[in-house]
Protein backbone atom coordinates (compact mmCIF):
# COMPACT_ATOMS: atom_id res chain seq x y z
CA MET A 1 -35.53 -17.23 14.58
CA ILE A 2 -36.13 -13.53 14.23
CA VAL A 3 -38.44 -12.22 10.97
CA THR A 4 -36.56 -9.87 8.29
CA ASP A 5 -39.53 -8.14 8.39
CA ARG A 6 -39.52 -7.50 11.56
CA LEU A 7 -35.86 -5.89 11.32
CA LEU A 8 -36.85 -4.27 8.02
CA SER A 9 -39.82 -2.58 9.87
CA LEU A 10 -37.72 -1.43 12.84
CA ALA A 11 -35.21 -0.18 10.35
CA ASP A 12 -38.33 1.92 9.50
CA ASP A 13 -38.78 3.46 12.39
CA GLN A 14 -35.04 4.60 13.18
CA PHE A 15 -34.88 6.04 9.41
CA PRO A 16 -35.17 9.79 10.63
CA ASN A 17 -32.75 8.94 13.51
CA VAL A 18 -30.10 7.70 10.87
CA VAL A 19 -30.03 10.15 8.54
CA ARG A 20 -30.31 13.25 11.40
CA TRP A 21 -27.31 11.27 13.14
CA ARG A 22 -25.11 11.28 9.54
CA ARG A 23 -25.96 14.83 9.07
CA ALA A 24 -25.15 16.05 12.58
CA ILE A 25 -21.62 13.67 12.19
CA HIS A 26 -21.10 14.99 8.51
CA ARG A 27 -21.21 18.34 9.86
CA ARG A 28 -17.98 18.01 11.89
CA PRO A 29 -15.30 15.64 10.38
CA GLU A 30 -12.36 14.46 12.25
CA LEU A 31 -9.23 13.04 10.75
CA ALA A 32 -7.27 10.39 12.16
CA PHE A 33 -7.75 10.05 15.63
CA GLN A 34 -8.31 13.38 16.20
CA GLU A 35 -12.56 12.12 16.72
CA HIS A 36 -12.70 12.98 19.69
CA GLU A 37 -16.02 14.97 19.08
CA THR A 38 -17.74 12.15 17.25
CA ALA A 39 -16.69 9.46 19.85
CA ALA A 40 -18.19 11.45 22.56
CA PHE A 41 -21.46 11.77 20.20
CA ILE A 42 -21.20 7.79 19.57
CA ALA A 43 -21.34 7.33 23.46
CA GLN A 44 -23.46 9.35 23.94
CA THR A 45 -26.04 8.14 21.56
CA LEU A 46 -25.57 4.13 23.01
CA GLY A 47 -25.59 5.55 26.30
CA ASP A 48 -28.92 7.20 25.87
CA LEU A 49 -30.18 3.77 25.06
CA GLY A 50 -28.80 2.30 28.06
CA LEU A 51 -25.50 0.51 26.79
CA GLU A 52 -22.36 0.46 28.29
CA VAL A 53 -19.48 2.56 26.67
CA ALA A 54 -15.80 1.41 26.49
CA ARG A 55 -13.40 3.97 25.39
CA VAL A 56 -10.67 2.19 23.80
CA ALA A 57 -7.98 2.71 20.61
CA LYS A 58 -7.91 6.69 21.44
CA THR A 59 -11.46 7.32 20.21
CA GLY A 60 -12.69 3.88 19.43
CA VAL A 61 -15.87 3.13 21.05
CA VAL A 62 -17.09 -0.42 21.97
CA ALA A 63 -20.85 -1.16 23.50
CA HIS A 64 -22.58 -4.47 23.67
CA ILE A 65 -26.14 -5.83 23.24
CA GLU A 66 -26.60 -8.52 25.13
CA GLY A 67 -29.38 -11.11 23.82
CA GLY A 68 -31.70 -13.27 26.30
CA GLN A 69 -30.35 -16.56 25.58
CA PRO A 70 -26.18 -17.11 26.44
CA GLY A 71 -24.25 -18.12 22.82
CA PRO A 72 -21.28 -16.00 21.00
CA THR A 73 -20.13 -13.07 20.29
CA ILE A 74 -20.33 -11.61 16.89
CA ALA A 75 -19.26 -7.71 15.54
CA LEU A 76 -20.41 -5.32 13.67
CA ARG A 77 -17.63 -2.41 12.94
CA ALA A 78 -18.34 1.11 11.60
CA ASP A 79 -15.10 3.40 10.77
CA ILE A 80 -15.89 6.86 12.39
CA ASP A 81 -12.95 9.47 10.27
CA ALA A 82 -12.67 11.79 7.65
CA LEU A 83 -10.60 12.92 5.17
CA PRO A 84 -8.60 16.18 4.30
CA ILE A 85 -10.99 16.94 1.41
CA MET A 86 -12.20 20.26 1.06
CA GLU A 87 -16.05 19.85 0.22
CA ALA A 88 -18.25 21.06 -2.89
CA THR A 89 -20.87 19.26 -2.33
CA GLY A 90 -22.79 22.75 -1.72
CA LEU A 91 -25.55 20.52 1.18
CA GLU A 92 -27.15 22.13 3.70
CA PHE A 93 -25.46 20.39 6.43
CA ALA A 94 -22.20 20.27 4.58
CA SER A 95 -18.97 20.09 6.40
CA GLU A 96 -17.92 23.20 8.81
CA THR A 97 -14.69 22.46 9.25
CA ASP A 98 -11.94 23.61 6.35
CA GLY A 99 -10.01 20.95 4.61
CA GLN A 100 -11.98 18.02 6.29
CA MET A 101 -14.41 16.07 4.94
CA HIS A 102 -16.94 12.79 5.09
CA ALA A 103 -16.00 12.08 1.40
CA CYS A 104 -15.52 8.19 2.22
CA GLY A 105 -19.10 7.64 3.88
CA HIS A 106 -18.04 6.70 7.32
CA ASP A 107 -20.52 9.12 8.46
CA ALA A 108 -23.44 6.84 7.00
CA HIS A 109 -21.37 3.90 8.45
CA THR A 110 -21.35 4.99 11.95
CA ALA A 111 -25.06 6.28 11.43
CA MET A 112 -26.40 2.97 9.91
CA LEU A 113 -24.26 1.13 13.41
CA LEU A 114 -26.04 3.63 15.17
CA GLY A 115 -29.46 2.74 13.61
CA ALA A 116 -28.91 -1.37 13.80
CA ALA A 117 -27.86 -0.88 17.63
CA HIS A 118 -31.67 0.41 18.05
CA VAL A 119 -33.21 -2.52 15.66
CA LEU A 120 -30.81 -5.59 17.94
CA HIS A 121 -31.70 -3.43 20.91
CA ALA A 122 -35.34 -3.94 20.57
CA VAL A 123 -35.06 -7.56 19.83
CA ARG A 124 -32.24 -8.37 22.30
CA ASP A 125 -34.26 -10.96 24.66
CA GLU A 126 -35.00 -13.14 20.69
CA LEU A 127 -31.21 -12.98 20.81
CA GLY A 128 -28.60 -16.03 21.64
CA GLY A 129 -25.62 -13.94 22.29
CA THR A 130 -23.87 -10.97 22.03
CA VAL A 131 -23.50 -7.99 19.59
CA ARG A 132 -20.38 -6.46 19.98
CA LEU A 133 -20.48 -2.29 18.58
CA VAL A 134 -17.21 -1.73 17.16
CA PHE A 135 -16.59 1.86 16.00
CA GLN A 136 -13.23 2.49 14.36
CA PRO A 137 -11.19 5.12 14.16
CA SER A 138 -8.56 6.03 11.80
CA GLU A 139 -9.41 3.69 8.85
CA GLU A 140 -7.79 6.25 6.67
CA LYS A 141 -4.87 6.52 7.86
CA ALA A 142 -1.54 2.99 8.04
CA PRO A 143 -1.18 1.86 10.27
CA GLY A 144 -4.72 2.47 10.53
CA GLY A 145 -6.96 1.65 13.64
CA ALA A 146 -7.97 -0.94 13.15
CA ARG A 147 -4.53 -2.39 14.50
CA VAL A 148 -4.75 -0.21 17.13
CA MET A 149 -8.39 -1.52 18.37
CA ILE A 150 -7.04 -5.43 17.90
CA GLU A 151 -3.77 -4.06 20.33
CA ASP A 152 -6.16 -3.05 22.75
CA GLY A 153 -7.81 -6.20 22.97
CA VAL A 154 -11.61 -5.27 21.01
CA LEU A 155 -11.70 -9.13 19.10
CA GLY A 156 -10.68 -10.55 22.74
CA ASP A 157 -12.81 -10.99 25.80
CA VAL A 158 -14.42 -7.77 27.04
CA ASP A 159 -15.98 -6.87 30.13
CA GLY A 160 -16.86 -10.20 30.29
CA HIS A 161 -18.02 -10.46 26.98
CA GLY A 162 -16.58 -13.60 24.95
CA PRO A 163 -14.05 -13.45 22.19
CA VAL A 164 -15.50 -12.42 18.99
CA GLU A 165 -16.32 -15.40 16.75
CA GLN A 166 -17.19 -13.72 13.34
CA MET A 167 -17.35 -9.88 12.22
CA PHE A 168 -18.93 -8.05 10.11
CA GLY A 169 -18.79 -4.64 7.65
CA GLN A 170 -19.86 -2.55 5.17
CA HIS A 171 -18.90 -0.02 3.07
CA VAL A 172 -21.11 2.71 0.63
CA PHE A 173 -20.46 2.29 -2.66
CA PRO A 174 -21.07 5.20 -5.22
CA ASP A 175 -20.91 2.33 -8.27
CA LEU A 176 -23.79 0.69 -7.00
CA GLU A 177 -27.30 1.64 -7.33
CA ALA A 178 -28.89 3.19 -4.24
CA GLY A 179 -30.10 -0.02 -2.37
CA THR A 180 -28.22 -2.57 -3.98
CA ILE A 181 -26.23 -5.30 -1.93
CA GLY A 182 -22.32 -6.24 -3.35
CA VAL A 183 -20.52 -9.55 -1.39
CA ARG A 184 -17.88 -11.67 -2.40
CA GLY A 185 -15.82 -14.28 -0.75
CA GLY A 186 -12.40 -15.04 -0.77
CA ALA A 187 -9.91 -12.16 -1.87
CA PHE A 188 -11.99 -8.32 -2.45
CA MET A 189 -9.87 -5.60 -1.86
CA ALA A 190 -6.26 -5.63 -2.07
CA SER A 191 -3.33 -4.46 0.04
CA ALA A 192 -1.74 -1.09 0.14
CA ASP A 193 1.77 -0.19 0.03
CA GLU A 194 3.51 3.20 -0.32
CA ILE A 195 6.49 2.46 -2.44
CA THR A 196 9.29 5.65 -2.32
CA LEU A 197 12.42 5.86 -4.93
CA THR A 198 15.61 8.17 -3.67
CA ILE A 199 17.43 8.19 -7.05
CA ASN A 200 20.58 10.10 -6.16
CA GLY A 201 22.81 11.16 -9.31
CA THR A 202 25.17 14.44 -9.42
CA GLY A 203 23.28 17.24 -10.95
CA GLY A 204 25.05 20.43 -12.57
CA HIS A 205 25.09 21.93 -16.16
CA ALA A 206 22.66 20.34 -18.29
CA ALA A 207 25.08 21.17 -21.53
CA ALA A 208 27.84 19.08 -19.84
CA PRO A 209 25.88 15.75 -18.97
CA HIS A 210 29.34 13.48 -20.10
CA GLN A 211 30.29 15.24 -16.64
CA LEU A 212 27.45 14.14 -14.38
CA VAL A 213 25.25 11.51 -13.37
CA ASP A 214 21.76 12.33 -15.10
CA ALA A 215 19.43 11.56 -12.18
CA VAL A 216 16.31 12.32 -14.52
CA LEU A 217 17.35 9.72 -17.24
CA VAL A 218 18.00 7.29 -14.74
CA GLN A 219 14.77 7.48 -12.83
CA ALA A 220 13.20 6.75 -16.34
CA HIS A 221 15.34 3.41 -16.91
CA VAL A 222 14.47 2.47 -13.10
CA LEU A 223 10.98 2.97 -13.59
CA THR A 224 10.29 1.51 -16.64
CA ALA A 225 12.66 -2.19 -15.28
CA LEU A 226 10.53 -1.68 -12.54
CA GLN A 227 7.13 -2.56 -14.37
CA SER A 228 8.90 -6.23 -14.90
CA VAL A 229 8.40 -7.01 -11.32
CA ILE A 230 5.22 -7.27 -12.16
CA SER A 231 4.76 -8.40 -15.69
CA ARG A 232 7.84 -11.24 -15.36
CA ASN A 233 7.86 -12.12 -11.42
CA ARG A 234 4.23 -12.12 -10.35
CA PRO A 235 2.92 -15.95 -10.24
CA PRO A 236 0.38 -16.60 -13.36
CA GLY A 237 -3.23 -16.12 -11.55
CA VAL A 238 -2.51 -13.21 -8.23
CA PRO A 239 -4.15 -10.40 -9.22
CA SER A 240 -0.92 -6.98 -8.58
CA LEU A 241 0.00 -3.86 -9.71
CA LEU A 242 2.71 -1.30 -9.54
CA SER A 243 1.75 2.34 -10.51
CA PHE A 244 3.87 5.88 -9.86
CA GLY A 245 1.49 8.84 -9.50
CA LYS A 246 4.68 11.11 -8.66
CA VAL A 247 8.18 11.91 -9.51
CA VAL A 248 9.67 15.41 -8.92
CA ALA A 249 12.61 16.33 -10.04
CA ASP A 250 13.60 19.46 -9.00
CA GLY A 251 15.53 20.81 -12.10
CA ALA A 252 15.52 23.24 -15.01
CA THR A 253 15.75 23.46 -18.37
CA ASN A 254 19.75 23.93 -18.16
CA ILE A 255 20.52 22.13 -14.68
CA LEU A 256 20.21 18.71 -13.79
CA PRO A 257 18.94 17.82 -10.10
CA ASP A 258 21.08 15.75 -7.80
CA ARG A 259 18.10 13.94 -6.90
CA VAL A 260 15.03 12.60 -8.20
CA VAL A 261 11.95 11.30 -6.07
CA LEU A 262 9.28 9.07 -7.19
CA GLU A 263 6.35 7.79 -5.16
CA GLY A 264 4.19 4.83 -5.82
CA THR A 265 1.84 1.84 -4.60
CA LEU A 266 1.70 -1.84 -5.10
CA ARG A 267 -1.43 -3.21 -4.08
CA SER A 268 -2.19 -7.26 -4.25
CA MET A 269 -4.30 -10.00 -3.55
CA ASP A 270 -1.92 -12.13 -2.08
CA GLU A 271 0.30 -11.82 1.12
CA GLY A 272 3.32 -14.21 0.02
CA TRP A 273 3.48 -12.25 -3.70
CA ARG A 274 3.18 -8.98 -1.47
CA ARG A 275 6.28 -9.62 0.47
CA ARG A 276 8.41 -11.00 -2.38
CA ALA A 277 7.50 -8.07 -4.30
CA TRP A 278 9.29 -5.90 -2.21
CA GLU A 279 12.30 -7.75 -2.56
CA LEU A 280 12.23 -7.39 -6.06
CA ILE A 281 11.47 -3.53 -6.23
CA GLU A 282 14.23 -3.48 -4.18
CA ARG A 283 16.74 -5.39 -6.59
CA THR A 284 15.60 -3.73 -9.65
CA ALA A 285 15.66 0.03 -8.61
CA SER A 286 18.78 -0.59 -7.14
CA ARG A 287 20.88 -2.55 -9.57
CA THR A 288 19.58 -0.51 -12.18
CA ALA A 289 20.31 3.21 -10.87
CA GLU A 290 23.78 1.29 -10.45
CA ALA A 291 24.15 0.83 -13.82
CA PHE A 292 24.42 3.99 -14.65
CA GLY A 293 26.62 5.07 -11.67
CA ALA A 294 23.75 6.21 -9.26
CA THR A 295 22.28 5.02 -6.26
CA CYS A 296 18.41 4.20 -5.66
CA ASP A 297 17.85 4.32 -1.73
CA VAL A 298 13.90 1.97 -1.95
CA ASP A 299 11.36 2.96 1.25
CA VAL A 300 8.20 0.33 1.22
CA LEU A 301 6.05 1.92 3.76
CA GLU A 302 3.63 -1.23 4.53
CA GLY A 303 -0.30 -0.55 4.21
CA TYR A 304 -3.02 -2.98 5.14
CA PRO A 305 -2.62 -5.91 4.32
CA ALA A 306 -5.05 -7.75 1.53
CA LEU A 307 -9.08 -8.23 2.83
CA VAL A 308 -10.07 -12.00 2.56
CA ASN A 309 -13.46 -12.11 2.71
CA ASP A 310 -14.14 -16.13 4.39
CA PRO A 311 -16.22 -18.03 2.00
CA ALA A 312 -18.53 -19.42 4.53
CA ALA A 313 -19.50 -15.97 5.99
CA ALA A 314 -19.64 -14.26 2.92
CA SER A 315 -22.11 -17.02 1.78
CA PHE A 316 -24.20 -16.08 4.98
CA ALA A 317 -23.76 -12.73 4.34
CA ARG A 318 -25.12 -13.07 0.93
CA GLU A 319 -27.97 -15.38 2.27
CA VAL A 320 -29.33 -12.03 4.66
CA ALA A 321 -28.57 -9.84 2.24
CA VAL A 322 -31.53 -11.39 -0.31
CA GLU A 323 -33.67 -11.33 2.68
CA VAL A 324 -33.24 -7.91 3.02
CA VAL A 325 -33.56 -6.52 -0.84
CA GLY A 326 -34.14 -9.33 -3.14
CA GLU A 327 -32.04 -11.49 -4.60
CA ASP A 328 -32.07 -9.38 -7.75
CA ARG A 329 -30.31 -6.19 -5.88
CA VAL A 330 -27.71 -8.81 -4.43
CA VAL A 331 -24.48 -8.00 -6.85
CA ASP A 332 -21.42 -10.88 -6.72
CA LEU A 333 -18.62 -8.54 -6.67
CA PRO A 334 -15.11 -8.59 -8.81
CA MET A 335 -12.01 -7.79 -6.93
CA TRP A 336 -11.72 -4.12 -5.84
CA TYR A 337 -8.45 -2.86 -5.43
CA ALA A 338 -8.78 -0.28 -2.94
CA SER A 339 -7.86 -1.15 0.27
CA GLU A 340 -9.22 -1.74 3.71
CA ASP A 341 -8.29 -2.46 7.25
CA PHE A 342 -10.81 -4.30 8.11
CA ALA A 343 -8.79 -6.47 6.55
CA PHE A 344 -6.98 -7.01 10.02
CA TYR A 345 -10.02 -8.55 11.44
CA ALA A 346 -10.69 -10.73 8.64
CA GLN A 347 -6.87 -11.71 9.40
CA ARG A 348 -7.79 -12.97 12.49
CA VAL A 349 -11.67 -13.88 13.07
CA PRO A 350 -13.99 -15.51 10.38
CA SER A 351 -15.28 -12.02 8.45
CA SER A 352 -17.41 -10.94 5.35
CA PHE A 353 -17.22 -7.00 4.57
CA SER A 354 -19.72 -6.12 2.10
CA VAL A 355 -21.01 -2.59 0.04
CA LEU A 356 -24.45 -0.40 -0.06
CA GLY A 357 -24.78 1.16 -3.41
CA VAL A 358 -25.50 4.84 -2.59
CA ARG A 359 -25.84 5.72 -6.46
CA ASN A 360 -28.57 7.47 -7.39
CA GLU A 361 -28.40 9.51 -10.94
CA ALA A 362 -31.50 11.08 -11.25
CA GLU A 363 -30.38 13.13 -7.95
CA GLY A 364 -26.96 13.46 -9.38
CA ILE A 365 -25.75 11.29 -6.59
CA THR A 366 -22.70 9.59 -8.50
CA HIS A 367 -19.21 11.38 -7.59
CA GLY A 368 -16.79 8.61 -6.40
CA LEU A 369 -14.83 8.11 -3.10
CA HIS A 370 -12.31 10.43 -1.58
CA THR A 371 -13.73 13.14 -3.89
CA PRO A 372 -14.67 16.70 -3.01
CA ARG A 373 -18.55 16.07 -4.02
CA MET A 374 -18.72 12.41 -2.61
CA THR A 375 -22.07 12.08 -0.99
CA VAL A 376 -24.83 8.92 -0.54
CA ASP A 377 -28.23 8.85 -1.43
CA GLU A 378 -29.49 8.54 2.30
CA GLY A 379 -32.69 6.49 1.10
CA ALA A 380 -29.97 3.47 0.77
CA MET A 381 -29.08 3.87 4.50
CA ARG A 382 -32.20 1.97 5.61
CA THR A 383 -31.04 -0.65 3.60
CA GLY A 384 -27.93 -0.84 5.40
CA THR A 385 -29.31 -0.59 9.02
CA ALA A 386 -31.50 -3.63 8.12
CA PHE A 387 -28.90 -4.76 6.32
CA LEU A 388 -26.45 -5.34 9.75
CA ALA A 389 -29.26 -5.66 12.01
CA ALA A 390 -30.23 -8.79 10.17
CA LEU A 391 -26.71 -10.03 10.04
CA ALA A 392 -26.78 -9.68 13.65
CA ALA A 393 -29.91 -11.19 14.12
CA ARG A 394 -29.51 -13.98 12.06
CA SER A 395 -25.93 -14.58 13.45
CA LEU A 396 -27.36 -15.51 16.43
CA SER A 397 -30.85 -17.20 15.97
CA ALA A 398 -29.16 -19.63 13.36
């Protein structure tokens, strides 16, 4: 078995490179399926290591580290896309592209997987199997790059390397102290669907509502009625929520609009209930509007499914995390209602998705994901690099 201390030492050696790679990627953020420069950077870095690189799913990159002994294929995944956010960190390596930013830490994810690739390459002769390195585009935009990667065969036989038998991923997490690792078995992250309701009434002068169908009033009743979908129909013990964050009623103080549009999100940890909720939302909204003489068009944009970690894979990940950082720095996580398209991989192969703490209050590194001032304590990337390498090495030497 490869000793974890050796992997930690190799990760320490790679740490300056990981920081350099992260900063280079951070300067040049690219949005979903536009990550051409990022993909080229990844391919060049892996090519310099002597690895053969395959380009899949438009801007995705896949490479393999083949062990000295035969064995299974396991996969490590990083996402590579950025967000349409104007950066406000003030970092010397801040985004050079207006309106685009690595505000979800994918720059760090990519750099850590590149670092792990170098660590694993150094011990490749001692591995019993193959590590598939998966650099995935478009995690931030539905339908998600994971689905496209799967359609392109990333979980199957690739260039003679067998199908993936186990898969691991990690995400930076500003809520946890830098260098800690969070794990959870079973349901971890929620499905996320976008719900758009268009209520059609009859607009006109606000002084004559008796001659009209007030879409603004109807939306209030629809919005209230929809909360019963969760409170009175959700099975006990199945976490779920329905929230509407945008209401557009383009009238005026004395004008009732013809139409009101509501936009929101449905989150759930159970796929069966999720689909039942779609039906209930459509029925409740339509019939409530009909009772007032209006109509309601319901559009559900299906997002990512719930991310359910395989219990055995998550237990294994926790054991490895303890080896890397110690028991006192491993956190057993609650459910997290964000969504993540790693869920598509987890539906198909036993998988575990963990989080890496990157918070440092003394340095002011406290801002949340998807915000203009989000950044990471780069020291945590030393831990993240070692953890990814150890997951692969321990899996292939068990």
